[in-house]
N, C-alpha and C. Protein backbone atom coordinates (compact mmCIF):
# COMPACT_ATOMS: atom_id res chain seq x y z
N MET A 1 0.82 -1.17 0.00
CA MET A 1 0.00 0.00 0.00
C MET A 1 0.87 1.24 0.00
N ARG A 2 1.92 1.20 0.71
CA ARG A 2 2.83 2.33 0.81
C ARG A 2 3.45 2.63 -0.56
N GLN A 3 3.76 1.62 -1.29
CA GLN A 3 4.39 1.77 -2.59
C GLN A 3 3.44 2.44 -3.57
N GLY A 4 2.18 2.14 -3.54
CA GLY A 4 1.18 2.74 -4.41
C GLY A 4 1.01 4.22 -4.11
N GLN A 5 1.07 4.60 -2.86
CA GLN A 5 0.94 6.02 -2.51
C GLN A 5 2.15 6.80 -3.00
N ASP A 6 3.33 6.27 -2.92
CA ASP A 6 4.53 6.93 -3.41
C ASP A 6 4.46 7.12 -4.93
N PHE A 7 3.94 6.13 -5.61
CA PHE A 7 3.83 6.20 -7.06
C PHE A 7 2.88 7.31 -7.47
N ASP A 8 1.80 7.52 -6.72
CA ASP A 8 0.83 8.57 -7.04
C ASP A 8 1.42 9.96 -6.81
N LYS A 9 2.35 10.09 -5.90
CA LYS A 9 2.93 11.39 -5.60
C LYS A 9 4.16 11.69 -6.45
N THR A 10 4.62 10.72 -7.18
CA THR A 10 5.82 10.89 -7.98
C THR A 10 5.52 11.79 -9.19
N ILE A 11 6.41 12.71 -9.44
CA ILE A 11 6.27 13.57 -10.62
C ILE A 11 6.77 12.78 -11.82
N ARG A 12 5.94 12.71 -12.82
CA ARG A 12 6.30 11.95 -14.02
C ARG A 12 6.66 12.91 -15.14
N ILE A 13 7.79 12.68 -15.76
CA ILE A 13 8.24 13.48 -16.90
C ILE A 13 8.18 12.60 -18.13
N PRO A 14 7.36 12.99 -19.09
CA PRO A 14 7.28 12.16 -20.30
C PRO A 14 8.60 12.24 -21.09
N VAL A 15 9.03 11.13 -21.57
CA VAL A 15 10.25 11.06 -22.36
C VAL A 15 9.87 10.61 -23.75
N VAL A 16 10.25 11.41 -24.70
CA VAL A 16 9.92 11.09 -26.09
C VAL A 16 11.16 10.49 -26.72
N THR A 17 11.18 9.17 -26.80
CA THR A 17 12.32 8.51 -27.41
C THR A 17 11.94 7.85 -28.72
N ASP A 18 10.70 7.46 -28.82
CA ASP A 18 10.28 6.73 -30.01
C ASP A 18 10.10 7.66 -31.21
N LEU A 19 9.91 8.94 -30.98
CA LEU A 19 9.65 9.86 -32.07
C LEU A 19 10.91 10.53 -32.61
N VAL A 20 11.99 10.44 -31.90
CA VAL A 20 13.22 11.09 -32.32
C VAL A 20 13.94 10.19 -33.32
N ARG A 21 14.22 10.79 -34.48
CA ARG A 21 14.94 10.04 -35.52
C ARG A 21 16.25 10.76 -35.83
N ALA A 22 17.16 10.03 -36.34
CA ALA A 22 18.42 10.64 -36.75
C ALA A 22 18.13 11.62 -37.87
N GLY A 23 18.88 12.74 -37.89
CA GLY A 23 18.66 13.78 -38.89
C GLY A 23 19.20 13.40 -40.26
N ASP A 24 18.93 14.26 -41.19
CA ASP A 24 19.42 14.10 -42.55
C ASP A 24 20.95 14.16 -42.52
N ALA A 25 21.59 13.17 -43.05
CA ALA A 25 23.05 13.07 -42.98
C ALA A 25 23.73 14.27 -43.63
N ALA A 26 23.20 14.74 -44.75
CA ALA A 26 23.80 15.89 -45.44
C ALA A 26 23.67 17.16 -44.59
N LEU A 27 22.54 17.31 -43.92
CA LEU A 27 22.31 18.48 -43.07
C LEU A 27 23.22 18.43 -41.84
N VAL A 28 23.35 17.25 -41.25
CA VAL A 28 24.23 17.09 -40.09
C VAL A 28 25.67 17.40 -40.48
N GLU A 29 26.09 16.94 -41.64
CA GLU A 29 27.44 17.20 -42.12
C GLU A 29 27.66 18.69 -42.35
N GLN A 30 26.66 19.35 -42.89
CA GLN A 30 26.76 20.79 -43.14
C GLN A 30 26.89 21.57 -41.83
N VAL A 31 26.15 21.18 -40.81
CA VAL A 31 26.22 21.86 -39.53
C VAL A 31 27.57 21.62 -38.87
N ARG A 32 28.11 20.45 -38.99
CA ARG A 32 29.39 20.13 -38.36
C ARG A 32 30.58 20.68 -39.14
N ASN A 33 30.36 21.09 -40.39
CA ASN A 33 31.43 21.61 -41.22
C ASN A 33 31.82 23.01 -40.73
N PRO A 34 33.08 23.22 -40.33
CA PRO A 34 33.48 24.54 -39.82
C PRO A 34 33.44 25.63 -40.90
N ASN A 35 33.53 25.25 -42.15
CA ASN A 35 33.52 26.23 -43.23
C ASN A 35 32.10 26.56 -43.70
N ALA A 36 31.10 25.87 -43.17
CA ALA A 36 29.72 26.05 -43.63
C ALA A 36 29.22 27.46 -43.38
N ARG A 37 29.55 28.02 -42.24
CA ARG A 37 29.06 29.37 -41.93
C ARG A 37 29.61 30.37 -42.94
N GLN A 38 30.90 30.25 -43.24
CA GLN A 38 31.52 31.15 -44.22
C GLN A 38 30.89 30.94 -45.60
N GLN A 39 30.61 29.70 -45.94
CA GLN A 39 29.99 29.41 -47.24
C GLN A 39 28.59 30.01 -47.32
N ARG A 40 27.81 29.87 -46.24
CA ARG A 40 26.47 30.46 -46.23
C ARG A 40 26.53 31.97 -46.32
N ARG A 41 27.49 32.56 -45.63
CA ARG A 41 27.65 34.01 -45.67
C ARG A 41 28.00 34.47 -47.09
N GLN A 42 28.91 33.74 -47.74
CA GLN A 42 29.29 34.09 -49.10
C GLN A 42 28.11 33.95 -50.05
N MET A 43 27.32 32.90 -49.86
CA MET A 43 26.14 32.70 -50.70
C MET A 43 25.15 33.85 -50.49
N PHE A 44 24.94 34.25 -49.22
CA PHE A 44 24.03 35.35 -48.91
C PHE A 44 24.52 36.64 -49.56
N GLU A 45 25.83 36.92 -49.43
CA GLU A 45 26.39 38.14 -50.02
C GLU A 45 26.23 38.13 -51.54
N GLN A 46 26.48 36.98 -52.15
CA GLN A 46 26.36 36.87 -53.60
C GLN A 46 24.92 37.11 -54.04
N ARG A 47 23.96 36.51 -53.33
CA ARG A 47 22.55 36.71 -53.68
C ARG A 47 22.13 38.15 -53.46
N LEU A 48 22.64 38.79 -52.39
CA LEU A 48 22.33 40.19 -52.13
C LEU A 48 22.87 41.08 -53.23
N LYS A 49 24.12 40.85 -53.64
CA LYS A 49 24.71 41.64 -54.72
C LYS A 49 23.94 41.45 -56.02
N GLU A 50 23.56 40.22 -56.31
CA GLU A 50 22.79 39.95 -57.53
C GLU A 50 21.45 40.66 -57.49
N ARG A 51 20.81 40.65 -56.32
CA ARG A 51 19.50 41.31 -56.19
C ARG A 51 19.63 42.82 -56.34
N ILE A 52 20.68 43.40 -55.77
CA ILE A 52 20.91 44.84 -55.91
C ILE A 52 21.15 45.19 -57.37
N ASP A 53 21.98 44.40 -58.05
CA ASP A 53 22.23 44.63 -59.47
C ASP A 53 20.95 44.50 -60.28
N GLU A 54 20.14 43.52 -59.93
CA GLU A 54 18.87 43.31 -60.63
C GLU A 54 17.95 44.52 -60.46
N LEU A 55 17.88 45.04 -59.22
CA LEU A 55 17.05 46.21 -58.96
C LEU A 55 17.58 47.45 -59.67
N LYS A 56 18.89 47.60 -59.69
CA LYS A 56 19.48 48.74 -60.41
C LYS A 56 19.16 48.66 -61.89
N ALA A 57 19.28 47.47 -62.45
CA ALA A 57 18.99 47.30 -63.87
C ALA A 57 17.51 47.56 -64.16
N ALA A 58 16.65 47.12 -63.27
CA ALA A 58 15.21 47.29 -63.47
C ALA A 58 14.80 48.76 -63.39
N THR A 59 15.46 49.52 -62.53
CA THR A 59 15.10 50.93 -62.36
C THR A 59 15.93 51.83 -63.25
N GLY A 60 16.92 51.26 -63.93
CA GLY A 60 17.76 52.07 -64.80
C GLY A 60 18.73 52.94 -64.03
N GLN A 61 19.05 52.53 -62.84
CA GLN A 61 19.97 53.31 -62.01
C GLN A 61 21.21 52.50 -61.72
N ASP A 62 22.31 53.19 -61.72
CA ASP A 62 23.54 52.62 -61.21
C ASP A 62 24.30 53.73 -60.52
N GLU A 63 25.48 53.45 -60.08
CA GLU A 63 26.24 54.41 -59.29
C GLU A 63 26.47 55.71 -60.05
N TYR A 64 26.75 55.61 -61.35
CA TYR A 64 27.13 56.78 -62.12
C TYR A 64 25.92 57.52 -62.69
N SER A 65 24.86 56.81 -63.02
CA SER A 65 23.70 57.51 -63.59
C SER A 65 23.06 58.43 -62.56
N GLY A 66 23.08 58.04 -61.30
CA GLY A 66 22.54 58.90 -60.24
C GLY A 66 23.35 60.17 -60.11
N LEU A 67 24.68 60.04 -60.16
CA LEU A 67 25.54 61.21 -60.09
C LEU A 67 25.36 62.08 -61.34
N ALA A 68 25.24 61.45 -62.49
CA ALA A 68 25.05 62.20 -63.73
C ALA A 68 23.72 62.96 -63.69
N ARG A 69 22.69 62.30 -63.19
CA ARG A 69 21.38 62.95 -63.09
C ARG A 69 21.45 64.16 -62.15
N ALA A 70 22.11 64.00 -61.01
CA ALA A 70 22.25 65.11 -60.06
C ALA A 70 23.03 66.26 -60.69
N HIS A 71 24.09 65.94 -61.44
CA HIS A 71 24.88 66.98 -62.10
C HIS A 71 24.03 67.70 -63.15
N ALA A 72 23.23 66.94 -63.91
CA ALA A 72 22.39 67.56 -64.93
C ALA A 72 21.36 68.49 -64.30
N ILE A 73 20.79 68.08 -63.20
CA ILE A 73 19.79 68.92 -62.52
C ILE A 73 20.44 70.20 -62.01
N ARG A 74 21.61 70.08 -61.40
CA ARG A 74 22.31 71.28 -60.91
C ARG A 74 22.69 72.20 -62.06
N SER A 75 23.19 71.60 -63.14
CA SER A 75 23.59 72.40 -64.30
C SER A 75 22.39 73.14 -64.88
N GLU A 76 21.28 72.44 -65.03
CA GLU A 76 20.07 73.07 -65.57
C GLU A 76 19.58 74.17 -64.64
N ASN A 77 19.64 73.95 -63.36
CA ASN A 77 19.21 74.95 -62.39
C ASN A 77 20.09 76.19 -62.47
N ASN A 78 21.42 75.96 -62.61
CA ASN A 78 22.34 77.09 -62.72
C ASN A 78 22.10 77.89 -64.00
N GLN A 79 21.78 77.21 -65.10
CA GLN A 79 21.52 77.89 -66.37
C GLN A 79 20.24 78.72 -66.29
N GLN A 80 19.24 78.20 -65.62
CA GLN A 80 17.98 78.94 -65.49
C GLN A 80 18.14 80.13 -64.56
N ALA A 81 18.95 80.00 -63.54
CA ALA A 81 19.12 81.06 -62.55
C ALA A 81 19.99 82.19 -63.09
N ALA A 82 20.92 81.88 -63.99
CA ALA A 82 21.85 82.90 -64.49
C ALA A 82 21.14 84.02 -65.25
N PRO A 83 20.25 83.75 -66.22
CA PRO A 83 19.60 84.84 -66.94
C PRO A 83 18.71 85.70 -66.03
N LEU A 84 18.10 85.11 -65.05
CA LEU A 84 17.20 85.85 -64.18
C LEU A 84 17.95 86.67 -63.13
N GLY A 85 19.18 86.36 -62.93
CA GLY A 85 19.97 87.08 -61.94
C GLY A 85 19.70 86.59 -60.53
N ASN A 86 18.91 85.56 -60.38
CA ASN A 86 18.62 85.02 -59.04
C ASN A 86 19.74 84.09 -58.62
N ASN A 87 20.13 84.20 -57.41
CA ASN A 87 21.13 83.28 -56.87
C ASN A 87 20.40 82.24 -56.03
N THR A 88 20.09 81.10 -56.63
CA THR A 88 19.30 80.07 -55.95
C THR A 88 20.16 78.90 -55.52
N ARG A 89 21.41 79.18 -55.15
CA ARG A 89 22.28 78.10 -54.70
C ARG A 89 21.77 77.52 -53.38
N ILE A 90 22.02 76.25 -53.23
CA ILE A 90 21.68 75.59 -51.97
C ILE A 90 22.67 76.04 -50.91
N ASP A 91 22.15 76.23 -49.72
CA ASP A 91 23.00 76.62 -48.60
C ASP A 91 24.10 75.58 -48.43
N PRO A 92 25.37 76.01 -48.34
CA PRO A 92 26.47 75.03 -48.23
C PRO A 92 26.33 74.08 -47.05
N SER A 93 25.75 74.53 -45.94
CA SER A 93 25.59 73.62 -44.80
C SER A 93 24.58 72.52 -45.11
N VAL A 94 23.53 72.86 -45.86
CA VAL A 94 22.54 71.86 -46.26
C VAL A 94 23.16 70.88 -47.24
N GLU A 95 23.93 71.41 -48.18
CA GLU A 95 24.59 70.54 -49.17
C GLU A 95 25.58 69.61 -48.48
N LYS A 96 26.31 70.13 -47.49
CA LYS A 96 27.25 69.29 -46.74
C LYS A 96 26.51 68.20 -45.98
N HIS A 97 25.39 68.55 -45.38
CA HIS A 97 24.58 67.56 -44.65
C HIS A 97 24.08 66.47 -45.61
N LEU A 98 23.63 66.86 -46.79
CA LEU A 98 23.16 65.87 -47.77
C LEU A 98 24.29 64.94 -48.20
N ASP A 99 25.48 65.53 -48.42
CA ASP A 99 26.64 64.71 -48.80
C ASP A 99 27.01 63.73 -47.70
N GLN A 100 26.96 64.18 -46.44
CA GLN A 100 27.28 63.29 -45.32
C GLN A 100 26.26 62.16 -45.21
N ALA A 101 24.98 62.50 -45.40
CA ALA A 101 23.93 61.47 -45.33
C ALA A 101 24.11 60.45 -46.44
N ARG A 102 24.44 60.92 -47.65
CA ARG A 102 24.67 60.00 -48.77
C ARG A 102 25.86 59.08 -48.47
N ASP A 103 26.97 59.67 -48.00
CA ASP A 103 28.15 58.87 -47.69
C ASP A 103 27.86 57.85 -46.60
N GLU A 104 27.09 58.24 -45.60
CA GLU A 104 26.72 57.33 -44.51
C GLU A 104 25.89 56.16 -45.04
N LEU A 105 24.96 56.45 -45.93
CA LEU A 105 24.13 55.41 -46.52
C LEU A 105 24.99 54.45 -47.36
N ILE A 106 25.92 54.98 -48.11
CA ILE A 106 26.80 54.13 -48.92
C ILE A 106 27.64 53.25 -48.03
N ARG A 107 28.16 53.80 -46.92
CA ARG A 107 28.96 52.98 -45.98
C ARG A 107 28.11 51.87 -45.37
N GLU A 108 26.87 52.21 -45.03
CA GLU A 108 25.98 51.21 -44.42
C GLU A 108 25.70 50.07 -45.41
N LEU A 109 25.41 50.43 -46.65
CA LEU A 109 25.14 49.40 -47.66
C LEU A 109 26.39 48.59 -47.94
N SER A 110 27.55 49.23 -47.97
CA SER A 110 28.80 48.50 -48.19
C SER A 110 29.06 47.55 -47.04
N GLY A 111 28.74 47.98 -45.82
CA GLY A 111 28.93 47.12 -44.65
C GLY A 111 28.05 45.89 -44.71
N MET A 112 26.85 46.03 -45.30
CA MET A 112 25.97 44.88 -45.43
C MET A 112 26.53 43.86 -46.41
N LEU A 113 27.33 44.32 -47.37
CA LEU A 113 27.87 43.42 -48.37
C LEU A 113 29.14 42.72 -47.90
N LYS A 114 29.72 43.19 -46.81
CA LYS A 114 30.97 42.58 -46.33
C LYS A 114 30.71 41.40 -45.49
């Protein structure tokens, strides 16, 4: 009788042994491979670069066309302002801030690719 009472008070923890199967051998090998992390990172970087290139091609933008477009806009603005005698230059502090923001964004994107 004493033994039955102890059994009722015992905390039972279910053990799942019948459902656990050995993993996929290729997956286990990949996880144990010390170079796998570097390979995955390289694959991710390659796919990211390809996607960025794809988006640039789709939008017709690349590193130089954006700069060329900005130069053309500034040039056109300067030509229009000259005959009117208006000095519509951007404040140098604002232009410096825009340049810093652009450079920061480029560094951030470059860091993502490393």
